[in-house]
């Protein structure tokens, strides 16, 4: 994967997360910041993108954790925003054992 250019207001975001055990062998990984993630174009246009990627930068190979597919390409022009709209609990995924 190639990250889009850090121009037009785009910057990669660092998130914090929590892991919550919900029952034997089941857990939920969620954003601990408790907010949807928003990017706003400023002073230009973002590169065109289709996916929002979540990866673990503490892993030697920046291991892919998951991604969101927007279904088509997105291009943000000056002042437009893109929101990664998470569920009400800001859950990234649930793992059932």
N, C-alpha and C. Protein backbone atom coordinates (compact mmCIF):
# COMPACT_ATOMS: atom_id res chain seq x y z
N UNK A 1 0.84 -1.18 0.00
CA UNK A 1 0.00 0.00 0.00
C UNK A 1 0.88 1.24 0.00
N UNK A 2 0.38 2.26 -0.63
CA UNK A 2 1.08 3.53 -0.66
C UNK A 2 0.19 4.59 -0.04
N UNK A 3 0.71 5.27 0.95
CA UNK A 3 -0.05 6.34 1.60
C UNK A 3 -0.18 7.52 0.64
N UNK A 4 -1.34 8.20 0.68
CA UNK A 4 -1.50 9.39 -0.14
C UNK A 4 -0.56 10.48 0.38
N UNK A 5 -0.28 11.46 -0.46
CA UNK A 5 0.64 12.53 -0.10
C UNK A 5 0.09 13.37 1.04
N UNK A 6 0.97 13.79 1.91
CA UNK A 6 0.58 14.65 3.04
C UNK A 6 0.49 16.09 2.55
N UNK A 7 -0.52 16.35 1.71
CA UNK A 7 -0.75 17.68 1.17
C UNK A 7 -2.22 18.01 1.27
N UNK A 8 -2.56 19.26 1.08
CA UNK A 8 -3.96 19.68 1.05
C UNK A 8 -4.69 19.50 2.36
N UNK A 9 -3.95 19.43 3.46
CA UNK A 9 -4.58 19.24 4.77
C UNK A 9 -4.57 17.81 5.26
N UNK A 10 -4.15 16.86 4.42
CA UNK A 10 -4.10 15.46 4.86
C UNK A 10 -2.88 15.20 5.73
N UNK A 11 -3.08 14.46 6.78
CA UNK A 11 -1.99 13.94 7.60
C UNK A 11 -2.47 12.61 8.18
N UNK A 12 -1.56 11.65 8.27
CA UNK A 12 -1.90 10.38 8.90
C UNK A 12 -2.27 10.64 10.36
N UNK A 13 -3.14 9.81 10.89
CA UNK A 13 -3.56 9.97 12.29
C UNK A 13 -3.06 8.79 13.10
N UNK A 14 -2.66 9.08 14.31
CA UNK A 14 -2.29 8.04 15.25
C UNK A 14 -3.44 7.88 16.21
N UNK A 15 -3.91 6.66 16.35
CA UNK A 15 -5.03 6.42 17.25
C UNK A 15 -4.59 5.57 18.42
N UNK A 16 -5.31 5.67 19.49
CA UNK A 16 -5.11 4.77 20.62
C UNK A 16 -6.31 3.86 20.68
N UNK A 17 -6.11 2.71 21.25
CA UNK A 17 -7.19 1.73 21.25
C UNK A 17 -7.24 1.00 22.58
N UNK A 18 -8.36 0.35 22.80
CA UNK A 18 -8.50 -0.52 23.97
C UNK A 18 -9.02 -1.86 23.49
N UNK A 19 -8.73 -2.87 24.26
CA UNK A 19 -9.24 -4.21 24.01
C UNK A 19 -10.10 -4.57 25.20
N UNK A 20 -11.34 -4.93 24.97
CA UNK A 20 -12.26 -5.27 26.05
C UNK A 20 -12.74 -6.70 25.88
N UNK A 21 -12.47 -7.52 26.88
CA UNK A 21 -13.00 -8.88 26.88
C UNK A 21 -14.48 -8.81 27.25
N UNK A 22 -15.33 -9.37 26.40
CA UNK A 22 -16.76 -9.32 26.66
C UNK A 22 -17.31 -10.64 27.20
N UNK A 23 -16.67 -11.72 26.88
CA UNK A 23 -17.01 -13.03 27.43
C UNK A 23 -15.88 -13.98 27.06
N UNK A 24 -15.96 -15.21 27.49
CA UNK A 24 -14.89 -16.17 27.23
C UNK A 24 -14.61 -16.27 25.73
N UNK A 25 -13.41 -15.85 25.33
CA UNK A 25 -13.01 -15.97 23.94
C UNK A 25 -13.54 -14.88 23.02
N UNK A 26 -14.22 -13.88 23.54
CA UNK A 26 -14.76 -12.80 22.72
C UNK A 26 -14.24 -11.47 23.23
N UNK A 27 -13.90 -10.59 22.31
CA UNK A 27 -13.43 -9.27 22.71
C UNK A 27 -13.75 -8.23 21.66
N UNK A 28 -13.66 -6.97 22.06
CA UNK A 28 -13.93 -5.85 21.16
C UNK A 28 -12.73 -4.91 21.19
N UNK A 29 -12.25 -4.56 20.00
CA UNK A 29 -11.17 -3.59 19.88
C UNK A 29 -11.81 -2.29 19.46
N UNK A 30 -11.59 -1.20 20.22
CA UNK A 30 -12.24 0.07 19.90
C UNK A 30 -11.28 1.23 20.06
N UNK A 31 -11.61 2.33 19.36
CA UNK A 31 -10.87 3.58 19.53
C UNK A 31 -11.10 4.05 20.95
N UNK A 32 -10.05 4.40 21.66
CA UNK A 32 -10.24 4.89 23.03
C UNK A 32 -10.42 6.40 23.07
N UNK A 33 -10.21 7.08 21.93
CA UNK A 33 -10.42 8.51 21.88
C UNK A 33 -11.89 8.89 21.85
N UNK A 34 -12.76 7.93 21.52
CA UNK A 34 -14.19 8.17 21.53
C UNK A 34 -14.67 9.20 20.54
N UNK A 35 -14.19 9.13 19.30
CA UNK A 35 -14.66 10.09 18.30
C UNK A 35 -14.46 9.52 16.90
N UNK A 36 -15.37 9.89 15.99
CA UNK A 36 -15.15 9.56 14.59
C UNK A 36 -13.87 10.27 14.15
N UNK A 37 -13.24 9.76 13.12
CA UNK A 37 -12.02 10.37 12.61
C UNK A 37 -12.39 11.25 11.42
N UNK A 38 -11.94 12.51 11.42
CA UNK A 38 -12.31 13.48 10.39
C UNK A 38 -11.06 14.10 9.78
N UNK A 39 -11.04 14.19 8.45
CA UNK A 39 -9.99 14.89 7.72
C UNK A 39 -10.65 16.02 6.94
N UNK A 40 -10.03 17.19 6.93
CA UNK A 40 -10.55 18.35 6.19
C UNK A 40 -9.48 18.85 5.24
N UNK A 41 -9.85 18.96 3.96
CA UNK A 41 -8.91 19.50 2.97
C UNK A 41 -8.74 21.00 3.22
N UNK A 42 -7.51 21.45 3.15
CA UNK A 42 -7.27 22.89 3.32
C UNK A 42 -6.11 23.32 2.43
N UNK A 43 -6.31 24.41 1.74
CA UNK A 43 -5.26 24.94 0.89
C UNK A 43 -4.97 24.10 -0.33
N UNK A 44 -5.88 23.23 -0.70
CA UNK A 44 -5.66 22.39 -1.86
C UNK A 44 -6.57 21.18 -1.85
N UNK A 45 -6.16 20.16 -2.55
CA UNK A 45 -6.95 18.95 -2.71
C UNK A 45 -6.16 17.74 -2.23
N UNK A 46 -6.85 16.80 -1.55
CA UNK A 46 -6.23 15.52 -1.19
C UNK A 46 -5.99 14.73 -2.45
N UNK A 47 -5.00 13.85 -2.43
CA UNK A 47 -4.90 12.84 -3.47
C UNK A 47 -6.17 12.01 -3.44
N UNK A 48 -6.52 11.44 -4.57
CA UNK A 48 -7.69 10.57 -4.64
C UNK A 48 -7.41 9.29 -3.87
N UNK A 49 -8.40 8.83 -3.10
CA UNK A 49 -8.24 7.59 -2.34
C UNK A 49 -9.56 6.83 -2.33
N UNK A 50 -9.49 5.56 -2.00
CA UNK A 50 -10.68 4.72 -1.87
C UNK A 50 -10.75 4.06 -0.50
N UNK A 51 -9.62 3.76 0.09
CA UNK A 51 -9.57 3.00 1.34
C UNK A 51 -9.01 3.84 2.48
N UNK A 52 -9.51 3.59 3.66
CA UNK A 52 -8.91 4.09 4.89
C UNK A 52 -8.30 2.87 5.54
N UNK A 53 -7.01 2.93 5.82
CA UNK A 53 -6.26 1.76 6.27
C UNK A 53 -5.85 1.92 7.72
N UNK A 54 -5.99 0.84 8.47
CA UNK A 54 -5.55 0.79 9.86
C UNK A 54 -4.41 -0.21 9.94
N UNK A 55 -3.26 0.24 10.41
CA UNK A 55 -2.11 -0.65 10.51
C UNK A 55 -1.41 -0.44 11.84
N UNK A 56 -0.63 -1.43 12.23
CA UNK A 56 0.09 -1.41 13.50
C UNK A 56 1.52 -0.95 13.24
N UNK A 57 1.82 0.30 13.57
CA UNK A 57 3.17 0.79 13.29
C UNK A 57 4.19 0.37 14.34
N UNK A 58 3.76 -0.40 15.35
CA UNK A 58 4.72 -0.95 16.30
C UNK A 58 5.27 -2.28 15.80
N UNK A 59 4.67 -2.83 14.78
CA UNK A 59 5.11 -4.08 14.17
C UNK A 59 6.21 -3.77 13.16
N UNK A 60 7.19 -4.64 13.05
CA UNK A 60 8.34 -4.40 12.16
C UNK A 60 7.91 -4.14 10.72
N UNK A 61 6.85 -4.77 10.26
CA UNK A 61 6.40 -4.61 8.87
C UNK A 61 5.15 -3.75 8.75
N UNK A 62 4.83 -2.96 9.79
CA UNK A 62 3.60 -2.14 9.79
C UNK A 62 2.40 -3.00 9.37
N UNK A 63 2.15 -4.03 10.13
CA UNK A 63 1.14 -5.04 9.80
C UNK A 63 -0.25 -4.43 9.62
N UNK A 64 -0.92 -4.84 8.54
CA UNK A 64 -2.28 -4.41 8.27
C UNK A 64 -3.22 -5.00 9.32
N UNK A 65 -4.04 -4.14 9.92
CA UNK A 65 -5.04 -4.58 10.88
C UNK A 65 -6.39 -4.71 10.18
N UNK A 66 -6.72 -3.74 9.35
CA UNK A 66 -7.98 -3.76 8.62
C UNK A 66 -8.09 -2.52 7.76
N UNK A 67 -9.19 -2.44 7.01
CA UNK A 67 -9.40 -1.27 6.17
C UNK A 67 -10.89 -1.05 5.95
N UNK A 68 -11.23 0.17 5.59
CA UNK A 68 -12.59 0.53 5.24
C UNK A 68 -12.60 0.86 3.75
N UNK A 69 -13.51 0.25 3.00
CA UNK A 69 -13.64 0.47 1.56
C UNK A 69 -14.78 1.46 1.34
N UNK A 70 -14.49 2.60 0.73
CA UNK A 70 -15.52 3.61 0.49
C UNK A 70 -16.43 3.26 -0.69
N UNK A 71 -16.11 2.19 -1.41
CA UNK A 71 -16.96 1.75 -2.52
C UNK A 71 -16.63 2.43 -3.84
N UNK A 72 -15.98 3.57 -3.79
CA UNK A 72 -15.52 4.29 -4.97
C UNK A 72 -14.45 5.28 -4.52
N UNK A 73 -13.76 5.88 -5.48
CA UNK A 73 -12.70 6.81 -5.11
C UNK A 73 -13.27 8.11 -4.54
N UNK A 74 -12.49 8.74 -3.68
CA UNK A 74 -12.86 9.98 -3.02
C UNK A 74 -11.77 11.01 -3.30
N UNK A 75 -12.17 12.22 -3.61
CA UNK A 75 -11.22 13.32 -3.76
C UNK A 75 -11.81 14.52 -3.02
N UNK A 76 -11.06 15.03 -2.06
CA UNK A 76 -11.54 16.17 -1.28
C UNK A 76 -10.94 17.46 -1.82
N UNK A 77 -11.79 18.41 -2.09
CA UNK A 77 -11.32 19.74 -2.49
C UNK A 77 -11.32 20.63 -1.27
N UNK A 78 -10.70 21.78 -1.39
CA UNK A 78 -10.51 22.72 -0.29
C UNK A 78 -11.79 22.90 0.54
N UNK A 79 -11.67 22.72 1.84
CA UNK A 79 -12.71 22.84 2.89
C UNK A 79 -13.67 21.66 2.98
N UNK A 80 -13.62 20.71 2.05
CA UNK A 80 -14.47 19.52 2.18
C UNK A 80 -13.90 18.59 3.22
N UNK A 81 -14.77 17.81 3.86
CA UNK A 81 -14.32 16.88 4.89
C UNK A 81 -14.65 15.44 4.53
N UNK A 82 -13.88 14.55 5.09
CA UNK A 82 -14.14 13.11 5.02
C UNK A 82 -14.19 12.61 6.45
N UNK A 83 -15.26 11.87 6.78
CA UNK A 83 -15.42 11.34 8.13
C UNK A 83 -15.44 9.83 8.09
N UNK A 84 -14.58 9.21 8.88
CA UNK A 84 -14.63 7.77 9.10
C UNK A 84 -15.64 7.60 10.22
N UNK A 85 -16.86 7.24 9.85
CA UNK A 85 -17.99 7.18 10.76
C UNK A 85 -18.02 5.81 11.45
N UNK A 86 -17.64 5.81 12.70
CA UNK A 86 -17.61 4.58 13.48
C UNK A 86 -18.95 4.37 14.18
N UNK A 87 -19.18 3.19 14.69
CA UNK A 87 -20.44 2.96 15.39
C UNK A 87 -20.47 3.72 16.72
N UNK A 88 -21.58 3.67 17.41
CA UNK A 88 -21.79 4.46 18.63
C UNK A 88 -20.77 4.15 19.72
N UNK A 89 -20.20 2.94 19.72
CA UNK A 89 -19.21 2.55 20.72
C UNK A 89 -17.78 2.70 20.21
N UNK A 90 -17.61 3.23 19.01
CA UNK A 90 -16.30 3.44 18.37
C UNK A 90 -15.54 2.13 18.23
N UNK A 91 -16.28 1.06 17.94
CA UNK A 91 -15.67 -0.26 17.79
C UNK A 91 -15.01 -0.41 16.44
N UNK A 92 -13.80 -0.95 16.44
CA UNK A 92 -13.08 -1.24 15.21
C UNK A 92 -13.51 -2.63 14.72
N UNK A 93 -13.45 -3.61 15.59
CA UNK A 93 -13.95 -4.94 15.25
C UNK A 93 -14.18 -5.76 16.50
N UNK A 94 -14.98 -6.80 16.34
CA UNK A 94 -15.24 -7.77 17.39
C UNK A 94 -14.62 -9.10 16.99
N UNK A 95 -13.95 -9.74 17.93
CA UNK A 95 -13.32 -11.02 17.69
C UNK A 95 -14.04 -12.07 18.53
N UNK A 96 -14.64 -13.04 17.85
CA UNK A 96 -15.32 -14.14 18.56
C UNK A 96 -14.42 -15.35 18.52
N UNK A 97 -14.24 -15.97 19.68
CA UNK A 97 -13.37 -17.13 19.78
C UNK A 97 -14.07 -18.42 19.61
